[in-house]
């Protein structure tokens, strides 16, 4: 695959889509709210080929859990990432 560079003139020559108005932008909603069924079908994953993580139970401070949950879906994965980073910085021993 090649990295093609397009100029603004190239884009202007093929674009016939008008810019959105302030009213249209104000009325815009997130994709998952506009098309919830489609968003869910895209989000759904197939079956896992092999266990990549271990199910466990740990106790965390409420403020820590609240911080990660505030970020929305994937909060447990973000905790995993933070813990992996901590282990990497200190060594695995």
PDB file of N, CA and C in Angstrom:
ATOM      1  N   UNK A   1       0.838  -1.168   0.000  1.00  0.00           N
ATOM      2  CA  UNK A   1       0.000   0.000   0.000  1.00  0.00           C
ATOM      3  C   UNK A   1       0.886   1.234   0.000  1.00  0.00           C
ATOM      4  N   UNK A   2       0.527   2.203  -0.792  1.00  0.00           N
ATOM      5  CA  UNK A   2       1.344   3.405  -0.876  1.00  0.00           C
ATOM      6  C   UNK A   2       0.728   4.523  -0.055  1.00  0.00           C
ATOM      7  N   UNK A   3       1.580   5.417   0.417  1.00  0.00           N
ATOM      8  CA  UNK A   3       1.111   6.597   1.132  1.00  0.00           C
ATOM      9  C   UNK A   3       0.868   7.695   0.112  1.00  0.00           C
ATOM     10  N   UNK A   4      -0.390   7.921  -0.193  1.00  0.00           N
ATOM     11  CA  UNK A   4      -0.724   8.959  -1.160  1.00  0.00           C
ATOM     12  C   UNK A   4      -0.978  10.257  -0.412  1.00  0.00           C
ATOM     13  N   UNK A   5      -0.450  11.323  -0.945  1.00  0.00           N
ATOM     14  CA  UNK A   5      -0.650  12.642  -0.368  1.00  0.00           C
ATOM     15  C   UNK A   5      -1.594  13.416  -1.270  1.00  0.00           C
ATOM     16  N   UNK A   6      -2.662  13.909  -0.728  1.00  0.00           N
ATOM     17  CA  UNK A   6      -3.618  14.688  -1.479  1.00  0.00           C
ATOM     18  C   UNK A   6      -3.551  16.140  -1.028  1.00  0.00           C
ATOM     19  N   UNK A   7      -3.631  17.035  -1.979  1.00  0.00           N
ATOM     20  CA  UNK A   7      -3.623  18.460  -1.669  1.00  0.00           C
ATOM     21  C   UNK A   7      -5.046  18.911  -1.378  1.00  0.00           C
ATOM     22  N   UNK A   8      -5.189  20.091  -0.823  1.00  0.00           N
ATOM     23  CA  UNK A   8      -6.521  20.644  -0.584  1.00  0.00           C
ATOM     24  C   UNK A   8      -7.266  20.809  -1.901  1.00  0.00           C
ATOM     25  N   UNK A   9      -6.548  21.169  -2.952  1.00  0.00           N
ATOM     26  CA  UNK A   9      -7.171  21.307  -4.273  1.00  0.00           C
ATOM     27  C   UNK A   9      -7.744  19.970  -4.744  1.00  0.00           C
ATOM     28  N   UNK A  10      -7.019  18.868  -4.487  1.00  0.00           N
ATOM     29  CA  UNK A  10      -7.518  17.538  -4.838  1.00  0.00           C
ATOM     30  C   UNK A  10      -8.833  17.250  -4.107  1.00  0.00           C
ATOM     31  N   UNK A  11      -8.839  17.524  -2.814  1.00  0.00           N
ATOM     32  CA  UNK A  11     -10.024  17.265  -2.006  1.00  0.00           C
ATOM     33  C   UNK A  11     -11.196  18.144  -2.439  1.00  0.00           C
ATOM     34  N   UNK A  12     -10.913  19.413  -2.715  1.00  0.00           N
ATOM     35  CA  UNK A  12     -11.964  20.328  -3.160  1.00  0.00           C
ATOM     36  C   UNK A  12     -12.563  19.881  -4.489  1.00  0.00           C
ATOM     37  N   UNK A  13     -11.743  19.312  -5.353  1.00  0.00           N
ATOM     38  CA  UNK A  13     -12.199  18.902  -6.681  1.00  0.00           C
ATOM     39  C   UNK A  13     -13.178  17.731  -6.619  1.00  0.00           C
ATOM     40  N   UNK A  14     -13.078  16.885  -5.606  1.00  0.00           N
ATOM     41  CA  UNK A  14     -13.940  15.707  -5.545  1.00  0.00           C
ATOM     42  C   UNK A  14     -15.007  15.795  -4.457  1.00  0.00           C
ATOM     43  N   UNK A  15     -14.952  16.818  -3.638  1.00  0.00           N
ATOM     44  CA  UNK A  15     -15.893  16.930  -2.528  1.00  0.00           C
ATOM     45  C   UNK A  15     -17.082  17.795  -2.905  1.00  0.00           C
ATOM     46  N   UNK A  16     -18.267  17.203  -2.851  1.00  0.00           N
ATOM     47  CA  UNK A  16     -19.476  17.979  -3.092  1.00  0.00           C
ATOM     48  C   UNK A  16     -20.371  17.986  -1.855  1.00  0.00           C
ATOM     49  N   UNK A  17     -19.813  17.579  -0.726  1.00  0.00           N
ATOM     50  CA  UNK A  17     -20.548  17.562   0.522  1.00  0.00           C
ATOM     51  C   UNK A  17     -20.404  18.922   1.200  1.00  0.00           C
ATOM     52  N   UNK A  18     -21.515  19.619   1.433  1.00  0.00           N
ATOM     53  CA  UNK A  18     -21.407  20.928   2.078  1.00  0.00           C
ATOM     54  C   UNK A  18     -21.020  20.790   3.547  1.00  0.00           C
ATOM     55  N   UNK A  19     -20.419  21.827   4.099  1.00  0.00           N
ATOM     56  CA  UNK A  19     -20.065  21.818   5.513  1.00  0.00           C
ATOM     57  C   UNK A  19     -21.335  21.817   6.344  1.00  0.00           C
ATOM     58  N   UNK A  20     -21.265  21.194   7.522  1.00  0.00           N
ATOM     59  CA  UNK A  20     -22.420  21.161   8.404  1.00  0.00           C
ATOM     60  C   UNK A  20     -22.659  22.542   8.996  1.00  0.00           C
ATOM     61  N   UNK A  21     -23.924  22.860   9.178  1.00  0.00           N
ATOM     62  CA  UNK A  21     -24.269  24.131   9.804  1.00  0.00           C
ATOM     63  C   UNK A  21     -24.184  23.985  11.316  1.00  0.00           C
ATOM     64  N   UNK A  22     -24.199  25.113  12.017  1.00  0.00           N
ATOM     65  CA  UNK A  22     -24.173  25.081  13.486  1.00  0.00           C
ATOM     66  C   UNK A  22     -25.398  24.344  14.012  1.00  0.00           C
ATOM     67  N   UNK A  23     -26.538  24.504  13.349  1.00  0.00           N
ATOM     68  CA  UNK A  23     -27.766  23.830  13.756  1.00  0.00           C
ATOM     69  C   UNK A  23     -27.634  22.310  13.588  1.00  0.00           C
ATOM     70  N   UNK A  24     -27.042  21.875  12.494  1.00  0.00           N
ATOM     71  CA  UNK A  24     -26.843  20.439  12.270  1.00  0.00           C
ATOM     72  C   UNK A  24     -25.872  19.860  13.291  1.00  0.00           C
ATOM     73  N   UNK A  25     -24.806  20.580  13.592  1.00  0.00           N
ATOM     74  CA  UNK A  25     -23.837  20.114  14.586  1.00  0.00           C
ATOM     75  C   UNK A  25     -24.483  20.017  15.966  1.00  0.00           C
ATOM     76  N   UNK A  26     -25.329  20.994  16.310  1.00  0.00           N
ATOM     77  CA  UNK A  26     -25.990  20.986  17.615  1.00  0.00           C
ATOM     78  C   UNK A  26     -26.952  19.805  17.739  1.00  0.00           C
ATOM     79  N   UNK A  27     -27.530  19.374  16.621  1.00  0.00           N
ATOM     80  CA  UNK A  27     -28.490  18.268  16.637  1.00  0.00           C
ATOM     81  C   UNK A  27     -27.817  16.904  16.531  1.00  0.00           C
ATOM     82  N   UNK A  28     -26.516  16.879  16.309  1.00  0.00           N
ATOM     83  CA  UNK A  28     -25.801  15.612  16.130  1.00  0.00           C
ATOM     84  C   UNK A  28     -25.803  14.804  17.423  1.00  0.00           C
ATOM     85  N   UNK A  29     -25.894  13.494  17.279  1.00  0.00           N
ATOM     86  CA  UNK A  29     -25.827  12.587  18.429  1.00  0.00           C
ATOM     87  C   UNK A  29     -24.754  11.538  18.150  1.00  0.00           C
ATOM     88  N   UNK A  30     -24.180  10.946  19.192  1.00  0.00           N
ATOM     89  CA  UNK A  30     -23.169   9.903  18.986  1.00  0.00           C
ATOM     90  C   UNK A  30     -23.743   8.717  18.204  1.00  0.00           C
ATOM     91  N   UNK A  31     -22.881   8.060  17.463  1.00  0.00           N
ATOM     92  CA  UNK A  31     -23.273   6.935  16.618  1.00  0.00           C
ATOM     93  C   UNK A  31     -24.042   5.882  17.404  1.00  0.00           C
ATOM     94  N   UNK A  32     -23.550   5.535  18.609  1.00  0.00           N
ATOM     95  CA  UNK A  32     -24.193   4.464  19.362  1.00  0.00           C
ATOM     96  C   UNK A  32     -25.577   4.860  19.874  1.00  0.00           C
ATOM     97  N   UNK A  33     -25.880   6.160  19.922  1.00  0.00           N
ATOM     98  CA  UNK A  33     -27.228   6.589  20.287  1.00  0.00           C
ATOM     99  C   UNK A  33     -28.133   6.646  19.056  1.00  0.00           C
ATOM    100  N   UNK A  34     -27.580   7.031  17.926  1.00  0.00           N
ATOM    101  CA  UNK A  34     -28.368   7.118  16.697  1.00  0.00           C
ATOM    102  C   UNK A  34     -28.702   5.731  16.147  1.00  0.00           C
ATOM    103  N   UNK A  35     -27.767   4.797  16.268  1.00  0.00           N
ATOM    104  CA  UNK A  35     -27.943   3.447  15.725  1.00  0.00           C
ATOM    105  C   UNK A  35     -27.527   2.407  16.767  1.00  0.00           C
ATOM    106  N   UNK A  36     -28.291   2.276  17.866  1.00  0.00           N
ATOM    107  CA  UNK A  36     -27.859   1.395  18.965  1.00  0.00           C
ATOM    108  C   UNK A  36     -27.686  -0.070  18.563  1.00  0.00           C
ATOM    109  N   UNK A  37     -28.588  -0.587  17.732  1.00  0.00           N
ATOM    110  CA  UNK A  37     -28.479  -2.002  17.334  1.00  0.00           C
ATOM    111  C   UNK A  37     -27.232  -2.241  16.493  1.00  0.00           C
ATOM    112  N   UNK A  38     -26.981  -1.350  15.552  1.00  0.00           N
ATOM    113  CA  UNK A  38     -25.802  -1.478  14.703  1.00  0.00           C
ATOM    114  C   UNK A  38     -24.525  -1.315  15.537  1.00  0.00           C
ATOM    115  N   UNK A  39     -24.528  -0.348  16.444  1.00  0.00           N
ATOM    116  CA  UNK A  39     -23.352  -0.124  17.290  1.00  0.00           C
ATOM    117  C   UNK A  39     -23.052  -1.361  18.132  1.00  0.00           C
ATOM    118  N   UNK A  40     -24.098  -1.983  18.668  1.00  0.00           N
ATOM    119  CA  UNK A  40     -23.894  -3.181  19.487  1.00  0.00           C
ATOM    120  C   UNK A  40     -23.354  -4.332  18.654  1.00  0.00           C
ATOM    121  N   UNK A  41     -23.835  -4.481  17.418  1.00  0.00           N
ATOM    122  CA  UNK A  41     -23.362  -5.574  16.578  1.00  0.00           C
ATOM    123  C   UNK A  41     -21.899  -5.371  16.176  1.00  0.00           C
ATOM    124  N   UNK A  42     -21.486  -4.138  16.024  1.00  0.00           N
ATOM    125  CA  UNK A  42     -20.089  -3.852  15.695  1.00  0.00           C
ATOM    126  C   UNK A  42     -19.204  -4.104  16.903  1.00  0.00           C
ATOM    127  N   UNK A  43     -19.705  -3.743  18.073  1.00  0.00           N
ATOM    128  CA  UNK A  43     -18.934  -3.852  19.311  1.00  0.00           C
ATOM    129  C   UNK A  43     -18.745  -5.303  19.732  1.00  0.00           C
ATOM    130  N   UNK A  44     -19.698  -6.156  19.379  1.00  0.00           N
ATOM    131  CA  UNK A  44     -19.673  -7.550  19.814  1.00  0.00           C
ATOM    132  C   UNK A  44     -18.470  -8.282  19.220  1.00  0.00           C
ATOM    133  N   UNK A  45     -17.810  -9.043  20.033  1.00  0.00           N
ATOM    134  CA  UNK A  45     -16.647  -9.802  19.579  1.00  0.00           C
ATOM    135  C   UNK A  45     -17.017 -11.266  19.416  1.00  0.00           C
ATOM    136  N   UNK A  46     -16.223 -11.954  18.643  1.00  0.00           N
ATOM    137  CA  UNK A  46     -16.399 -13.398  18.482  1.00  0.00           C
ATOM    138  C   UNK A  46     -15.871 -14.131  19.703  1.00  0.00           C
ATOM    139  N   UNK A  47     -15.990 -15.437  19.676  1.00  0.00           N
ATOM    140  CA  UNK A  47     -15.515 -16.222  20.809  1.00  0.00           C
ATOM    141  C   UNK A  47     -13.995 -16.145  20.898  1.00  0.00           C
ATOM    142  N   UNK A  48     -13.518 -16.176  22.119  1.00  0.00           N
ATOM    143  CA  UNK A  48     -12.082 -16.080  22.379  1.00  0.00           C
ATOM    144  C   UNK A  48     -11.416 -17.402  22.008  1.00  0.00           C
ATOM    145  N   UNK A  49     -10.314 -17.315  21.287  1.00  0.00           N
ATOM    146  CA  UNK A  49      -9.617 -18.522  20.834  1.00  0.00           C
ATOM    147  C   UNK A  49      -8.876 -19.217  21.966  1.00  0.00           C
ATOM    148  N   UNK A  50      -8.425 -18.461  22.915  1.00  0.00           N
ATOM    149  CA  UNK A  50      -7.723 -19.022  24.060  1.00  0.00           C
ATOM    150  C   UNK A  50      -7.719 -18.022  25.190  1.00  0.00           C
ATOM    151  N   UNK A  51      -7.643 -18.496  26.383  1.00  0.00           N
ATOM    152  CA  UNK A  51      -7.653 -17.595  27.536  1.00  0.00           C
ATOM    153  C   UNK A  51      -6.425 -16.686  27.499  1.00  0.00           C
ATOM    154  N   UNK A  52      -6.660 -15.392  27.480  1.00  0.00           N
ATOM    155  CA  UNK A  52      -5.544 -14.447  27.465  1.00  0.00           C
ATOM    156  C   UNK A  52      -5.411 -13.730  28.800  1.00  0.00           C
ATOM    157  N   UNK A  53      -6.440 -13.854  29.637  1.00  0.00           N
ATOM    158  CA  UNK A  53      -6.422 -13.212  30.953  1.00  0.00           C
ATOM    159  C   UNK A  53      -6.956 -14.199  31.976  1.00  0.00           C
ATOM    160  N   UNK A  54      -6.658 -13.924  33.222  1.00  0.00           N
ATOM    161  CA  UNK A  54      -7.098 -14.776  34.319  1.00  0.00           C
ATOM    162  C   UNK A  54      -8.187 -14.044  35.088  1.00  0.00           C
ATOM    163  N   UNK A  55      -9.296 -14.695  35.326  1.00  0.00           N
ATOM    164  CA  UNK A  55     -10.368 -14.106  36.115  1.00  0.00           C
ATOM    165  C   UNK A  55      -9.967 -14.151  37.586  1.00  0.00           C
ATOM    166  N   UNK A  56     -10.078 -13.003  38.260  1.00  0.00           N
ATOM    167  CA  UNK A  56      -9.705 -12.924  39.665  1.00  0.00           C
ATOM    168  C   UNK A  56     -10.558 -11.870  40.348  1.00  0.00           C
ATOM    169  N   UNK A  57     -10.489 -11.828  41.638  1.00  0.00           N
ATOM    170  CA  UNK A  57     -11.201 -10.812  42.405  1.00  0.00           C
ATOM    171  C   UNK A  57     -10.191 -10.061  43.248  1.00  0.00           C
ATOM    172  N   UNK A  58     -10.214  -8.734  43.140  1.00  0.00           N
ATOM    173  CA  UNK A  58      -9.348  -7.910  43.988  1.00  0.00           C
ATOM    174  C   UNK A  58     -10.191  -6.787  44.578  1.00  0.00           C
ATOM    175  N   UNK A  59      -9.725  -6.250  45.682  1.00  0.00           N
ATOM    176  CA  UNK A  59     -10.411  -5.124  46.309  1.00  0.00           C
ATOM    177  C   UNK A  59      -9.645  -3.856  45.977  1.00  0.00           C
ATOM    178  N   UNK A  60     -10.387  -2.876  45.455  1.00  0.00           N
ATOM    179  CA  UNK A  60      -9.792  -1.604  45.074  1.00  0.00           C
ATOM    180  C   UNK A  60     -10.497  -0.485  45.830  1.00  0.00           C
ATOM    181  N   UNK A  61      -9.807   0.608  46.019  1.00  0.00           N
ATOM    182  CA  UNK A  61     -10.408   1.768  46.672  1.00  0.00           C
ATOM    183  C   UNK A  61     -11.539   2.304  45.795  1.00  0.00           C
ATOM    184  N   UNK A  62     -12.615   2.744  46.424  1.00  0.00           N
ATOM    185  CA  UNK A  62     -13.762   3.248  45.652  1.00  0.00           C
ATOM    186  C   UNK A  62     -13.392   4.369  44.688  1.00  0.00           C
ATOM    187  N   UNK A  63     -12.506   5.263  45.092  1.00  0.00           N
ATOM    188  CA  UNK A  63     -12.135   6.375  44.208  1.00  0.00           C
ATOM    189  C   UNK A  63     -11.365   5.881  42.982  1.00  0.00           C
ATOM    190  N   UNK A  64     -10.603   4.816  43.137  1.00  0.00           N
ATOM    191  CA  UNK A  64      -9.873   4.249  42.000  1.00  0.00           C
ATOM    192  C   UNK A  64     -10.866   3.652  40.999  1.00  0.00           C
ATOM    193  N   UNK A  65     -11.806   2.870  41.502  1.00  0.00           N
ATOM    194  CA  UNK A  65     -12.812   2.254  40.635  1.00  0.00           C
ATOM    195  C   UNK A  65     -13.638   3.345  39.950  1.00  0.00           C
ATOM    196  N   UNK A  66     -14.036   4.364  40.705  1.00  0.00           N
ATOM    197  CA  UNK A  66     -14.831   5.460  40.140  1.00  0.00           C
ATOM    198  C   UNK A  66     -14.069   6.164  39.017  1.00  0.00           C
ATOM    199  N   UNK A  67     -12.776   6.382  39.227  1.00  0.00           N
ATOM    200  CA  UNK A  67     -11.947   7.043  38.204  1.00  0.00           C
ATOM    201  C   UNK A  67     -11.958   6.251  36.899  1.00  0.00           C
ATOM    202  N   UNK A  68     -11.726   4.961  36.988  1.00  0.00           N
ATOM    203  CA  UNK A  68     -11.657   4.149  35.771  1.00  0.00           C
ATOM    204  C   UNK A  68     -13.042   3.957  35.141  1.00  0.00           C
ATOM    205  N   UNK A  69     -14.073   3.782  35.955  1.00  0.00           N
ATOM    206  CA  UNK A  69     -15.426   3.612  35.414  1.00  0.00           C
ATOM    207  C   UNK A  69     -15.920   4.886  34.727  1.00  0.00           C
ATOM    208  N   UNK A  70     -15.456   6.026  35.196  1.00  0.00           N
ATOM    209  CA  UNK A  70     -15.878   7.304  34.608  1.00  0.00           C
ATOM    210  C   UNK A  70     -15.461   7.390  33.139  1.00  0.00           C
ATOM    211  N   UNK A  71     -14.453   6.625  32.756  1.00  0.00           N
ATOM    212  CA  UNK A  71     -13.992   6.611  31.371  1.00  0.00           C
ATOM    213  C   UNK A  71     -14.869   5.785  30.447  1.00  0.00           C
ATOM    214  N   UNK A  72     -15.893   5.126  31.000  1.00  0.00           N
ATOM    215  CA  UNK A  72     -16.810   4.347  30.170  1.00  0.00           C
ATOM    216  C   UNK A  72     -16.338   2.923  29.931  1.00  0.00           C
ATOM    217  N   UNK A  73     -16.887   2.342  28.841  1.00  0.00           N
ATOM    218  CA  UNK A  73     -16.575   0.954  28.512  1.00  0.00           C
ATOM    219  C   UNK A  73     -15.064   0.733  28.462  1.00  0.00           C
ATOM    220  N   UNK A  74     -14.648  -0.450  28.879  1.00  0.00           N
ATOM    221  CA  UNK A  74     -13.236  -0.796  28.841  1.00  0.00           C
ATOM    222  C   UNK A  74     -12.476  -0.407  30.096  1.00  0.00           C
ATOM    223  N   UNK A  75     -13.206  -0.038  31.149  1.00  0.00           N
ATOM    224  CA  UNK A  75     -12.528   0.426  32.355  1.00  0.00           C
ATOM    225  C   UNK A  75     -11.658  -0.654  32.986  1.00  0.00           C
ATOM    226  N   UNK A  76     -12.077  -1.904  32.918  1.00  0.00           N
ATOM    227  CA  UNK A  76     -11.257  -2.982  33.476  1.00  0.00           C
ATOM    228  C   UNK A  76      -9.982  -3.176  32.655  1.00  0.00           C
ATOM    229  N   UNK A  77     -10.093  -3.014  31.345  1.00  0.00           N
ATOM    230  CA  UNK A  77      -8.904  -3.119  30.492  1.00  0.00           C
ATOM    231  C   UNK A  77      -7.931  -1.984  30.788  1.00  0.00           C
ATOM    232  N   UNK A  78      -8.467  -0.792  31.102  1.00  0.00           N
ATOM    233  CA  UNK A  78      -7.579   0.323  31.449  1.00  0.00           C
ATOM    234  C   UNK A  78      -6.862   0.068  32.774  1.00  0.00           C
ATOM    235  N   UNK A  79      -7.541  -0.574  33.718  1.00  0.00           N
ATOM    236  CA  UNK A  79      -6.868  -0.956  34.969  1.00  0.00           C
ATOM    237  C   UNK A  79      -5.766  -1.964  34.662  1.00  0.00           C
ATOM    238  N   UNK A  80      -6.061  -2.939  33.810  1.00  0.00           N
ATOM    239  CA  UNK A  80      -5.065  -3.934  33.416  1.00  0.00           C
ATOM    240  C   UNK A  80      -3.848  -3.255  32.787  1.00  0.00           C
ATOM    241  N   UNK A  81      -4.107  -2.294  31.911  1.00  0.00           N
ATOM    242  CA  UNK A  81      -3.015  -1.575  31.247  1.00  0.00           C
ATOM    243  C   UNK A  81      -2.168  -0.808  32.262  1.00  0.00           C
ATOM    244  N   UNK A  82      -2.828  -0.155  33.220  1.00  0.00           N
ATOM    245  CA  UNK A  82      -2.099   0.597  34.244  1.00  0.00           C
ATOM    246  C   UNK A  82      -1.238  -0.338  35.100  1.00  0.00           C
ATOM    247  N   UNK A  83      -1.783  -1.489  35.443  1.00  0.00           N
ATOM    248  CA  UNK A  83      -1.011  -2.453  36.239  1.00  0.00           C
ATOM    249  C   UNK A  83       0.150  -3.039  35.435  1.00  0.00           C
ATOM    250  N   UNK A  84      -0.073  -3.306  34.151  1.00  0.00           N
ATOM    251  CA  UNK A  84       1.024  -3.812  33.299  1.00  0.00           C
ATOM    252  C   UNK A  84       2.151  -2.795  33.212  1.00  0.00           C
ATOM    253  N   UNK A  85       1.779  -1.512  33.075  1.00  0.00           N
ATOM    254  CA  UNK A  85       2.779  -0.456  33.020  1.00  0.00           C
ATOM    255  C   UNK A  85       3.566  -0.399  34.327  1.00  0.00           C
ATOM    256  N   UNK A  86       2.874  -0.517  35.440  1.00  0.00           N
ATOM    257  CA  UNK A  86       3.536  -0.488  36.750  1.00  0.00           C
ATOM    258  C   UNK A  86       4.526  -1.639  36.863  1.00  0.00           C
ATOM    259  N   UNK A  87       4.113  -2.843  36.444  1.00  0.00           N
ATOM    260  CA  UNK A  87       4.999  -4.015  36.488  1.00  0.00           C
ATOM    261  C   UNK A  87       6.201  -3.812  35.571  1.00  0.00           C
ATOM    262  N   UNK A  88       5.973  -3.285  34.372  1.00  0.00           N
ATOM    263  CA  UNK A  88       7.064  -3.072  33.417  1.00  0.00           C
ATOM    264  C   UNK A  88       8.097  -2.080  33.951  1.00  0.00           C
ATOM    265  N   UNK A  89       7.633  -1.067  34.645  1.00  0.00           N
ATOM    266  CA  UNK A  89       8.542  -0.059  35.179  1.00  0.00           C
ATOM    267  C   UNK A  89       9.372  -0.583  36.339  1.00  0.00           C
ATOM    268  N   UNK A  90       8.852  -1.566  37.059  1.00  0.00           N
ATOM    269  CA  UNK A  90       9.541  -2.066  38.247  1.00  0.00           C
ATOM    270  C   UNK A  90      10.162  -3.438  38.057  1.00  0.00           C
ATOM    271  N   UNK A  91       9.962  -4.027  36.912  1.00  0.00           N
ATOM    272  CA  UNK A  91      10.490  -5.370  36.672  1.00  0.00           C
ATOM    273  C   UNK A  91       9.483  -6.395  37.145  1.00  0.00           C
ATOM    274  N   UNK A  92       9.577  -7.562  36.598  1.00  0.00           N
ATOM    275  CA  UNK A  92       8.602  -8.626  36.912  1.00  0.00           C
ATOM    276  C   UNK A  92       9.039  -9.494  38.055  1.00  0.00           C
ATOM    277  N   UNK A  93       9.644  -8.940  39.055  1.00  0.00           N
ATOM    278  CA  UNK A  93      10.115  -9.799  40.133  1.00  0.00           C
ATOM    279  C   UNK A  93       9.927  -9.319  41.484  1.00  0.00           C
TER     280      UNK A  93
END
